[in-house]
Protein backbone atom coordinates (compact mmCIF):
# COMPACT_ATOMS: atom_id res chain seq x y z
CA UNK A 1 110.19 76.82 97.09
CA UNK A 2 111.34 79.50 94.61
CA UNK A 3 109.23 82.65 94.30
CA UNK A 4 108.82 81.92 90.60
CA UNK A 5 106.80 78.75 91.30
CA UNK A 6 104.69 80.27 94.06
CA UNK A 7 103.93 83.68 92.53
CA UNK A 8 104.18 83.64 88.74
CA UNK A 9 100.94 82.81 86.92
CA UNK A 10 99.25 81.88 90.21
CA UNK A 11 95.73 83.08 90.96
CA UNK A 12 95.39 85.38 93.96
CA UNK A 13 93.48 83.31 96.51
CA UNK A 14 92.91 85.71 99.41
CA UNK A 15 93.35 89.07 97.73
CA UNK A 16 90.64 91.70 97.43
CA UNK A 17 92.15 92.37 94.00
CA UNK A 18 91.29 89.53 91.59
CA UNK A 19 93.72 88.15 89.03
CA UNK A 20 97.14 86.55 88.78
CA UNK A 21 99.71 87.41 91.46
CA UNK A 22 102.55 87.98 88.98
CA UNK A 23 102.19 87.99 85.21
CA UNK A 24 105.62 87.95 83.53
CA UNK A 25 106.37 91.20 81.68
CA UNK A 26 103.03 92.67 82.79
CA UNK A 27 103.26 94.95 85.80
CA UNK A 28 99.95 96.62 84.99
CA UNK A 29 97.83 93.49 85.51
CA UNK A 30 99.90 91.71 88.17
CA UNK A 31 98.01 91.70 91.49
CA UNK A 32 101.22 92.14 93.49
CA UNK A 33 101.96 95.43 91.70
CA UNK A 34 98.37 96.65 91.90
CA UNK A 35 98.45 96.13 95.66
CA UNK A 36 101.91 97.66 96.12
CA UNK A 37 100.97 100.92 94.37
CA UNK A 38 97.50 101.21 95.93
CA UNK A 39 96.81 103.31 98.99
CA UNK A 40 93.20 102.10 99.27
CA UNK A 41 92.34 100.35 102.55
CA UNK A 42 91.64 96.66 101.99
CA UNK A 43 93.62 96.70 98.76
CA UNK A 44 97.04 98.10 99.65
CA UNK A 45 100.00 95.91 100.52
CA UNK A 46 101.13 95.82 103.22
CA UNK A 47 97.69 96.34 104.68
CA UNK A 48 98.74 98.20 107.85
CA UNK A 49 101.41 100.80 108.54
CA UNK A 50 101.40 102.15 104.99
CA UNK A 51 100.49 105.73 104.18
CA UNK A 52 102.91 106.30 101.31
CA UNK A 53 104.25 104.19 98.47
CA UNK A 54 107.67 102.56 98.77
CA UNK A 55 109.11 103.77 95.46
CA UNK A 56 112.32 101.76 95.85
CA UNK A 57 110.37 98.58 96.55
CA UNK A 58 108.01 99.24 93.65
CA UNK A 59 110.98 99.79 91.30
CA UNK A 60 112.63 96.56 92.46
CA UNK A 61 109.50 94.42 92.02
CA UNK A 62 108.72 96.11 88.69
CA UNK A 63 112.18 95.21 87.42
CA UNK A 64 111.76 91.61 88.62
CA UNK A 65 108.38 91.20 86.89
CA UNK A 66 109.66 92.85 83.70
CA UNK A 67 112.71 90.59 83.33
CA UNK A 68 112.48 87.63 80.96
CA UNK A 69 111.68 84.28 82.64
């Protein structure tokens, strides 16, 4: 199943961060981005093995969310 149908405008079911997983053209409110940039335990993604932000990964996902559907 394409990522667009499983992530975009879908409510986060198991996340500690409430909201929509990916909101097109809205990186600020998309749960995926909030979790990727967070370093707070229980909120950050991935949950384990992360002490710094992956700037390249963040830039890639930001560009994907920002592109027109």
